ModelCIF file with pLDDT and N, C-alpha, C, O atoms, coordinates in Angstrom:
data_MODEL
#
_entry.id   MODEL 
#
_entity.id                         1 
_entity.type                       polymer 
_entity.pdbx_number_of_molecules   1 
#
_entity_poly.entity_id                      1 
_entity_poly.type                           'polypeptide(L)' 
_entity_poly.nstd_linkage                   no 
_entity_poly.nstd_monomer                   no 
_entity_poly.pdbx_seq_one_letter_code       VVREIQQKGGKTAMIGDGINDSPALSAADVGIAIS 
_entity_poly.pdbx_seq_one_letter_code_can   VVREIQQKGGKTAMIGDGINDSPALSAADVGIAIS 
_entity_poly.pdbx_strand_id                 A 
#
loop_
_entity_poly_seq.entity_id 
_entity_poly_seq.num 
_entity_poly_seq.mon_id 
_entity_poly_seq.hetero 
1 1  VAL n 
1 2  VAL n 
1 3  ARG n 
1 4  GLU n 
1 5  ILE n 
1 6  GLN n 
1 7  GLN n 
1 8  LYS n 
1 9  GLY n 
1 10 GLY n 
1 11 LYS n 
1 12 THR n 
1 13 ALA n 
1 14 MET n 
1 15 ILE n 
1 16 GLY n 
1 17 ASP n 
1 18 GLY n 
1 19 ILE n 
1 20 ASN n 
1 21 ASP n 
1 22 SER n 
1 23 PRO n 
1 24 ALA n 
1 25 LEU n 
1 26 SER n 
1 27 ALA n 
1 28 ALA n 
1 29 ASP n 
1 30 VAL n 
1 31 GLY n 
1 32 ILE n 
1 33 ALA n 
1 34 ILE n 
1 35 SER n 
#
_struct_asym.id          A 
_struct_asym.entity_id   1 
#
loop_
_ma_qa_metric.id 
_ma_qa_metric.mode 
_ma_qa_metric.name 
_ma_qa_metric.software_group_id 
_ma_qa_metric.type 
1 global pLDDT . pLDDT 
2 local  pLDDT . pLDDT 
#
_ma_qa_metric_global.metric_id      1 
_ma_qa_metric_global.metric_value   87.03 
_ma_qa_metric_global.model_id       1 
_ma_qa_metric_global.ordinal_id     1 
#
loop_
_ma_qa_metric_local.label_asym_id 
_ma_qa_metric_local.label_comp_id 
_ma_qa_metric_local.label_seq_id 
_ma_qa_metric_local.metric_id 
_ma_qa_metric_local.metric_value 
_ma_qa_metric_local.model_id 
_ma_qa_metric_local.ordinal_id 
A VAL 1  2 90.00 1 1  
A VAL 2  2 91.00 1 2  
A ARG 3  2 91.00 1 3  
A GLU 4  2 90.00 1 4  
A ILE 5  2 88.00 1 5  
A GLN 6  2 88.00 1 6  
A GLN 7  2 87.00 1 7  
A LYS 8  2 84.00 1 8  
A GLY 9  2 71.00 1 9  
A GLY 10 2 83.00 1 10 
A LYS 11 2 90.00 1 11 
A THR 12 2 91.00 1 12 
A ALA 13 2 91.00 1 13 
A MET 14 2 92.00 1 14 
A ILE 15 2 89.00 1 15 
A GLY 16 2 87.00 1 16 
A ASP 17 2 83.00 1 17 
A GLY 18 2 77.00 1 18 
A ILE 19 2 80.00 1 19 
A ASN 20 2 79.00 1 20 
A ASP 21 2 85.00 1 21 
A SER 22 2 86.00 1 22 
A PRO 23 2 88.00 1 23 
A ALA 24 2 89.00 1 24 
A LEU 25 2 90.00 1 25 
A SER 26 2 89.00 1 26 
A ALA 27 2 90.00 1 27 
A ALA 28 2 91.00 1 28 
A ASP 29 2 92.00 1 29 
A VAL 30 2 92.00 1 30 
A GLY 31 2 90.00 1 31 
A ILE 32 2 89.00 1 32 
A ALA 33 2 88.00 1 33 
A ILE 34 2 85.00 1 34 
A SER 35 2 80.00 1 35 
#
loop_
_atom_site.group_PDB 
_atom_site.id 
_atom_site.type_symbol 
_atom_site.label_atom_id 
_atom_site.label_alt_id 
_atom_site.label_comp_id 
_atom_site.label_asym_id 
_atom_site.label_entity_id 
_atom_site.label_seq_id 
_atom_site.pdbx_PDB_ins_code 
_atom_site.Cartn_x 
_atom_site.Cartn_y 
_atom_site.Cartn_z 
_atom_site.occupancy 
_atom_site.B_iso_or_equiv 
_atom_site.pdbx_formal_charge 
_atom_site.auth_seq_id 
_atom_site.auth_comp_id 
_atom_site.auth_asym_id 
_atom_site.auth_atom_id 
_atom_site.pdbx_PDB_model_num 
ATOM 1   N N  . VAL A 1 1  ? -5.220  -6.394 -3.467 1.00 90.00 ? 1  VAL A N  1 
ATOM 2   C CA . VAL A 1 1  ? -6.300  -5.614 -2.779 1.00 90.00 ? 1  VAL A CA 1 
ATOM 3   C C  . VAL A 1 1  ? -5.952  -4.079 -2.893 1.00 90.00 ? 1  VAL A C  1 
ATOM 4   O O  . VAL A 1 1  ? -6.811  -3.262 -3.225 1.00 90.00 ? 1  VAL A O  1 
ATOM 5   N N  . VAL A 1 2  ? -4.717  -3.744 -2.616 1.00 91.00 ? 2  VAL A N  1 
ATOM 6   C CA . VAL A 1 2  ? -4.322  -2.303 -2.729 1.00 91.00 ? 2  VAL A CA 1 
ATOM 7   C C  . VAL A 1 2  ? -4.563  -1.829 -4.188 1.00 91.00 ? 2  VAL A C  1 
ATOM 8   O O  . VAL A 1 2  ? -5.133  -0.754 -4.376 1.00 91.00 ? 2  VAL A O  1 
ATOM 9   N N  . ARG A 1 3  ? -4.150  -2.593 -5.215 1.00 91.00 ? 3  ARG A N  1 
ATOM 10  C CA . ARG A 1 3  ? -4.295  -2.146 -6.567 1.00 91.00 ? 3  ARG A CA 1 
ATOM 11  C C  . ARG A 1 3  ? -5.811  -2.030 -6.971 1.00 91.00 ? 3  ARG A C  1 
ATOM 12  O O  . ARG A 1 3  ? -6.174  -1.173 -7.777 1.00 91.00 ? 3  ARG A O  1 
ATOM 13  N N  . GLU A 1 4  ? -6.621  -2.851 -6.431 1.00 90.00 ? 4  GLU A N  1 
ATOM 14  C CA . GLU A 1 4  ? -8.051  -2.774 -6.643 1.00 90.00 ? 4  GLU A CA 1 
ATOM 15  C C  . GLU A 1 4  ? -8.610  -1.534 -6.017 1.00 90.00 ? 4  GLU A C  1 
ATOM 16  O O  . GLU A 1 4  ? -9.442  -0.870 -6.635 1.00 90.00 ? 4  GLU A O  1 
ATOM 17  N N  . ILE A 1 5  ? -8.209  -1.194 -4.854 1.00 88.00 ? 5  ILE A N  1 
ATOM 18  C CA . ILE A 1 5  ? -8.628  0.064  -4.173 1.00 88.00 ? 5  ILE A CA 1 
ATOM 19  C C  . ILE A 1 5  ? -8.200  1.279  -4.962 1.00 88.00 ? 5  ILE A C  1 
ATOM 20  O O  . ILE A 1 5  ? -8.955  2.239  -5.117 1.00 88.00 ? 5  ILE A O  1 
ATOM 21  N N  . GLN A 1 6  ? -6.962  1.222  -5.463 1.00 88.00 ? 6  GLN A N  1 
ATOM 22  C CA . GLN A 1 6  ? -6.447  2.265  -6.322 1.00 88.00 ? 6  GLN A CA 1 
ATOM 23  C C  . GLN A 1 6  ? -7.302  2.572  -7.555 1.00 88.00 ? 6  GLN A C  1 
ATOM 24  O O  . GLN A 1 6  ? -7.532  3.729  -7.906 1.00 88.00 ? 6  GLN A O  1 
ATOM 25  N N  . GLN A 1 7  ? -7.760  1.505  -8.195 1.00 87.00 ? 7  GLN A N  1 
ATOM 26  C CA . GLN A 1 7  ? -8.576  1.615  -9.349 1.00 87.00 ? 7  GLN A CA 1 
ATOM 27  C C  . GLN A 1 7  ? -9.951  2.249  -9.052 1.00 87.00 ? 7  GLN A C  1 
ATOM 28  O O  . GLN A 1 7  ? -10.512 2.974  -9.875 1.00 87.00 ? 7  GLN A O  1 
ATOM 29  N N  . LYS A 1 8  ? -10.471 1.950  -7.849 1.00 84.00 ? 8  LYS A N  1 
ATOM 30  C CA . LYS A 1 8  ? -11.763 2.491  -7.465 1.00 84.00 ? 8  LYS A CA 1 
ATOM 31  C C  . LYS A 1 8  ? -11.714 3.843  -6.761 1.00 84.00 ? 8  LYS A C  1 
ATOM 32  O O  . LYS A 1 8  ? -12.595 4.687  -6.927 1.00 84.00 ? 8  LYS A O  1 
ATOM 33  N N  . GLY A 1 9  ? -10.652 4.023  -5.965 1.00 71.00 ? 9  GLY A N  1 
ATOM 34  C CA . GLY A 1 9  ? -10.695 5.207  -5.128 1.00 71.00 ? 9  GLY A CA 1 
ATOM 35  C C  . GLY A 1 9  ? -9.593  6.245  -5.349 1.00 71.00 ? 9  GLY A C  1 
ATOM 36  O O  . GLY A 1 9  ? -9.481  7.208  -4.591 1.00 71.00 ? 9  GLY A O  1 
ATOM 37  N N  . GLY A 1 10 ? -8.790  6.047  -6.379 1.00 83.00 ? 10 GLY A N  1 
ATOM 38  C CA . GLY A 1 10 ? -7.783  7.034  -6.679 1.00 83.00 ? 10 GLY A CA 1 
ATOM 39  C C  . GLY A 1 10 ? -6.463  6.791  -5.956 1.00 83.00 ? 10 GLY A C  1 
ATOM 40  O O  . GLY A 1 10 ? -6.076  5.648  -5.712 1.00 83.00 ? 10 GLY A O  1 
ATOM 41  N N  . LYS A 1 11 ? -5.777  7.885  -5.615 1.00 90.00 ? 11 LYS A N  1 
ATOM 42  C CA . LYS A 1 11 ? -4.448  7.770  -4.996 1.00 90.00 ? 11 LYS A CA 1 
ATOM 43  C C  . LYS A 1 11 ? -4.581  7.110  -3.585 1.00 90.00 ? 11 LYS A C  1 
ATOM 44  O O  . LYS A 1 11 ? -5.416  7.490  -2.765 1.00 90.00 ? 11 LYS A O  1 
ATOM 45  N N  . THR A 1 12 ? -3.742  6.147  -3.374 1.00 91.00 ? 12 THR A N  1 
ATOM 46  C CA . THR A 1 12 ? -3.870  5.285  -2.121 1.00 91.00 ? 12 THR A CA 1 
ATOM 47  C C  . THR A 1 12 ? -2.517  5.173  -1.432 1.00 91.00 ? 12 THR A C  1 
ATOM 48  O O  . THR A 1 12 ? -1.485  4.955  -2.066 1.00 91.00 ? 12 THR A O  1 
ATOM 49  N N  . ALA A 1 13 ? -2.560  5.332  -0.095 1.00 91.00 ? 13 ALA A N  1 
ATOM 50  C CA . ALA A 1 13 ? -1.432  5.126  0.743  1.00 91.00 ? 13 ALA A CA 1 
ATOM 51  C C  . ALA A 1 13 ? -1.609  3.779  1.534  1.00 91.00 ? 13 ALA A C  1 
ATOM 52  O O  . ALA A 1 13 ? -2.712  3.416  1.941  1.00 91.00 ? 13 ALA A O  1 
ATOM 53  N N  . MET A 1 14 ? -0.528  3.105  1.714  1.00 92.00 ? 14 MET A N  1 
ATOM 54  C CA . MET A 1 14 ? -0.536  1.853  2.427  1.00 92.00 ? 14 MET A CA 1 
ATOM 55  C C  . MET A 1 14 ? 0.342   1.955  3.655  1.00 92.00 ? 14 MET A C  1 
ATOM 56  O O  . MET A 1 14 ? 1.489   2.385  3.533  1.00 92.00 ? 14 MET A O  1 
ATOM 57  N N  . ILE A 1 15 ? -0.148  1.572  4.869  1.00 89.00 ? 15 ILE A N  1 
ATOM 58  C CA . ILE A 1 15 ? 0.666   1.633  6.063  1.00 89.00 ? 15 ILE A CA 1 
ATOM 59  C C  . ILE A 1 15 ? 0.819   0.178  6.558  1.00 89.00 ? 15 ILE A C  1 
ATOM 60  O O  . ILE A 1 15 ? -0.184  -0.505 6.767  1.00 89.00 ? 15 ILE A O  1 
ATOM 61  N N  . GLY A 1 16 ? 2.023   -0.285 6.740  1.00 87.00 ? 16 GLY A N  1 
ATOM 62  C CA . GLY A 1 16 ? 2.287   -1.643 7.190  1.00 87.00 ? 16 GLY A CA 1 
ATOM 63  C C  . GLY A 1 16 ? 3.582   -1.727 7.918  1.00 87.00 ? 16 GLY A C  1 
ATOM 64  O O  . GLY A 1 16 ? 4.336   -0.758 8.000  1.00 87.00 ? 16 GLY A O  1 
ATOM 65  N N  . ASP A 1 17 ? 3.855   -2.958 8.480  1.00 83.00 ? 17 ASP A N  1 
ATOM 66  C CA . ASP A 1 17 ? 5.030   -3.109 9.232  1.00 83.00 ? 17 ASP A CA 1 
ATOM 67  C C  . ASP A 1 17 ? 5.740   -4.450 8.988  1.00 83.00 ? 17 ASP A C  1 
ATOM 68  O O  . ASP A 1 17 ? 6.880   -4.624 9.418  1.00 83.00 ? 17 ASP A O  1 
ATOM 69  N N  . GLY A 1 18 ? 5.068   -5.418 8.291  1.00 77.00 ? 18 GLY A N  1 
ATOM 70  C CA . GLY A 1 18 ? 5.661   -6.761 8.191  1.00 77.00 ? 18 GLY A CA 1 
ATOM 71  C C  . GLY A 1 18 ? 6.199   -7.046 6.835  1.00 77.00 ? 18 GLY A C  1 
ATOM 72  O O  . GLY A 1 18 ? 6.006   -6.300 5.875  1.00 77.00 ? 18 GLY A O  1 
ATOM 73  N N  . ILE A 1 19 ? 6.893   -8.174 6.787  1.00 80.00 ? 19 ILE A N  1 
ATOM 74  C CA . ILE A 1 19 ? 7.478   -8.644 5.504  1.00 80.00 ? 19 ILE A CA 1 
ATOM 75  C C  . ILE A 1 19 ? 6.413   -8.868 4.473  1.00 80.00 ? 19 ILE A C  1 
ATOM 76  O O  . ILE A 1 19 ? 6.585   -8.585 3.287  1.00 80.00 ? 19 ILE A O  1 
ATOM 77  N N  . ASN A 1 20 ? 5.241   -9.415 4.985  1.00 79.00 ? 20 ASN A N  1 
ATOM 78  C CA . ASN A 1 20 ? 4.085   -9.708 4.009  1.00 79.00 ? 20 ASN A CA 1 
ATOM 79  C C  . ASN A 1 20 ? 3.468   -8.390 3.545  1.00 79.00 ? 20 ASN A C  1 
ATOM 80  O O  . ASN A 1 20 ? 2.705   -8.395 2.579  1.00 79.00 ? 20 ASN A O  1 
ATOM 81  N N  . ASP A 1 21 ? 3.752   -7.323 4.159  1.00 85.00 ? 21 ASP A N  1 
ATOM 82  C CA . ASP A 1 21 ? 3.184   -6.020 3.694  1.00 85.00 ? 21 ASP A CA 1 
ATOM 83  C C  . ASP A 1 21 ? 4.000   -5.389 2.574  1.00 85.00 ? 21 ASP A C  1 
ATOM 84  O O  . ASP A 1 21 ? 3.520   -4.468 1.913  1.00 85.00 ? 21 ASP A O  1 
ATOM 85  N N  . SER A 1 22 ? 5.205   -5.856 2.348  1.00 86.00 ? 22 SER A N  1 
ATOM 86  C CA . SER A 1 22 ? 6.205   -5.240 1.398  1.00 86.00 ? 22 SER A CA 1 
ATOM 87  C C  . SER A 1 22 ? 5.580   -5.069 -0.007 1.00 86.00 ? 22 SER A C  1 
ATOM 88  O O  . SER A 1 22 ? 5.599   -3.959 -0.538 1.00 86.00 ? 22 SER A O  1 
ATOM 89  N N  . PRO A 1 23 ? 5.048   -6.098 -0.599 1.00 88.00 ? 23 PRO A N  1 
ATOM 90  C CA . PRO A 1 23 ? 4.485   -5.933 -1.973 1.00 88.00 ? 23 PRO A CA 1 
ATOM 91  C C  . PRO A 1 23 ? 3.389   -4.844 -2.016 1.00 88.00 ? 23 PRO A C  1 
ATOM 92  O O  . PRO A 1 23 ? 3.334   -4.062 -2.965 1.00 88.00 ? 23 PRO A O  1 
ATOM 93  N N  . ALA A 1 24 ? 2.537   -4.795 -1.009 1.00 89.00 ? 24 ALA A N  1 
ATOM 94  C CA . ALA A 1 24 ? 1.461   -3.795 -0.937 1.00 89.00 ? 24 ALA A CA 1 
ATOM 95  C C  . ALA A 1 24 ? 2.023   -2.391 -0.722 1.00 89.00 ? 24 ALA A C  1 
ATOM 96  O O  . ALA A 1 24 ? 1.468   -1.416 -1.228 1.00 89.00 ? 24 ALA A O  1 
ATOM 97  N N  . LEU A 1 25 ? 3.130   -2.285 0.030  1.00 90.00 ? 25 LEU A N  1 
ATOM 98  C CA . LEU A 1 25 ? 3.735   -0.945 0.251  1.00 90.00 ? 25 LEU A CA 1 
ATOM 99  C C  . LEU A 1 25 ? 4.310   -0.429 -1.060 1.00 90.00 ? 25 LEU A C  1 
ATOM 100 O O  . LEU A 1 25 ? 4.241   0.764  -1.356 1.00 90.00 ? 25 LEU A O  1 
ATOM 101 N N  . SER A 1 26 ? 4.881   -1.347 -1.844 1.00 89.00 ? 26 SER A N  1 
ATOM 102 C CA . SER A 1 26 ? 5.439   -1.023 -3.154 1.00 89.00 ? 26 SER A CA 1 
ATOM 103 C C  . SER A 1 26 ? 4.440   -0.685 -4.124 1.00 89.00 ? 26 SER A C  1 
ATOM 104 O O  . SER A 1 26 ? 4.671   0.188  -4.961 1.00 89.00 ? 26 SER A O  1 
ATOM 105 N N  . ALA A 1 27 ? 3.263   -1.348 -4.081 1.00 90.00 ? 27 ALA A N  1 
ATOM 106 C CA . ALA A 1 27 ? 2.180   -1.067 -5.058 1.00 90.00 ? 27 ALA A CA 1 
ATOM 107 C C  . ALA A 1 27 ? 1.454   0.199  -4.840 1.00 90.00 ? 27 ALA A C  1 
ATOM 108 O O  . ALA A 1 27 ? 0.914   0.791  -5.774 1.00 90.00 ? 27 ALA A O  1 
ATOM 109 N N  . ALA A 1 28 ? 1.430   0.646  -3.555 1.00 91.00 ? 28 ALA A N  1 
ATOM 110 C CA . ALA A 1 28 ? 0.628   1.864  -3.204 1.00 91.00 ? 28 ALA A CA 1 
ATOM 111 C C  . ALA A 1 28 ? 1.328   3.122  -3.793 1.00 91.00 ? 28 ALA A C  1 
ATOM 112 O O  . ALA A 1 28 ? 2.531   3.138  -4.053 1.00 91.00 ? 28 ALA A O  1 
ATOM 113 N N  . ASP A 1 29 ? 0.534   4.119  -3.975 1.00 92.00 ? 29 ASP A N  1 
ATOM 114 C CA . ASP A 1 29 ? 1.083   5.449  -4.458 1.00 92.00 ? 29 ASP A CA 1 
ATOM 115 C C  . ASP A 1 29 ? 2.128   5.980  -3.481 1.00 92.00 ? 29 ASP A C  1 
ATOM 116 O O  . ASP A 1 29 ? 3.151   6.549  -3.860 1.00 92.00 ? 29 ASP A O  1 
ATOM 117 N N  . VAL A 1 30 ? 1.801   5.753  -2.145 1.00 92.00 ? 30 VAL A N  1 
ATOM 118 C CA . VAL A 1 30 ? 2.738   6.145  -1.117 1.00 92.00 ? 30 VAL A CA 1 
ATOM 119 C C  . VAL A 1 30 ? 2.778   4.988  -0.121 1.00 92.00 ? 30 VAL A C  1 
ATOM 120 O O  . VAL A 1 30 ? 1.749   4.642  0.460  1.00 92.00 ? 30 VAL A O  1 
ATOM 121 N N  . GLY A 1 31 ? 3.961   4.378  0.088  1.00 90.00 ? 31 GLY A N  1 
ATOM 122 C CA . GLY A 1 31 ? 4.155   3.299  1.020  1.00 90.00 ? 31 GLY A CA 1 
ATOM 123 C C  . GLY A 1 31 ? 4.650   3.910  2.361  1.00 90.00 ? 31 GLY A C  1 
ATOM 124 O O  . GLY A 1 31 ? 5.628   4.658  2.364  1.00 90.00 ? 31 GLY A O  1 
ATOM 125 N N  . ILE A 1 32 ? 3.995   3.601  3.478  1.00 89.00 ? 32 ILE A N  1 
ATOM 126 C CA . ILE A 1 32 ? 4.383   4.166  4.771  1.00 89.00 ? 32 ILE A CA 1 
ATOM 127 C C  . ILE A 1 32 ? 4.657   2.950  5.706  1.00 89.00 ? 32 ILE A C  1 
ATOM 128 O O  . ILE A 1 32 ? 3.766   2.138  5.954  1.00 89.00 ? 32 ILE A O  1 
ATOM 129 N N  . ALA A 1 33 ? 5.872   2.850  6.202  1.00 88.00 ? 33 ALA A N  1 
ATOM 130 C CA . ALA A 1 33 ? 6.279   1.744  7.086  1.00 88.00 ? 33 ALA A CA 1 
ATOM 131 C C  . ALA A 1 33 ? 6.351   2.240  8.549  1.00 88.00 ? 33 ALA A C  1 
ATOM 132 O O  . ALA A 1 33 ? 6.559   3.424  8.816  1.00 88.00 ? 33 ALA A O  1 
ATOM 133 N N  . ILE A 1 34 ? 6.167   1.273  9.490  1.00 85.00 ? 34 ILE A N  1 
ATOM 134 C CA . ILE A 1 34 ? 6.287   1.506  10.882 1.00 85.00 ? 34 ILE A CA 1 
ATOM 135 C C  . ILE A 1 34 ? 7.741   1.332  11.250 1.00 85.00 ? 34 ILE A C  1 
ATOM 136 O O  . ILE A 1 34 ? 8.382   0.376  10.812 1.00 85.00 ? 34 ILE A O  1 
ATOM 137 N N  . SER A 1 35 ? 8.276   2.246  12.052 1.00 80.00 ? 35 SER A N  1 
ATOM 138 C CA . SER A 1 35 ? 9.695   2.213  12.391 1.00 80.00 ? 35 SER A CA 1 
ATOM 139 C C  . SER A 1 35 ? 10.191  0.938  13.073 1.00 80.00 ? 35 SER A C  1 
ATOM 140 O O  . SER A 1 35 ? 11.375  0.830  13.392 1.00 80.00 ? 35 SER A O  1 
#
C-alpha cells in the first residue's frame, strides 16, 4: 500500500508503532516510529 501511494503521490512518510508496520516503515521514503 505504501509503495502504491509512493508511485501516485511522490515522496511518502510512514508513521507506525507495531511489528507489522516494520516493512512499510522500511519501504517509505522516511520511516517514523513511535517511541
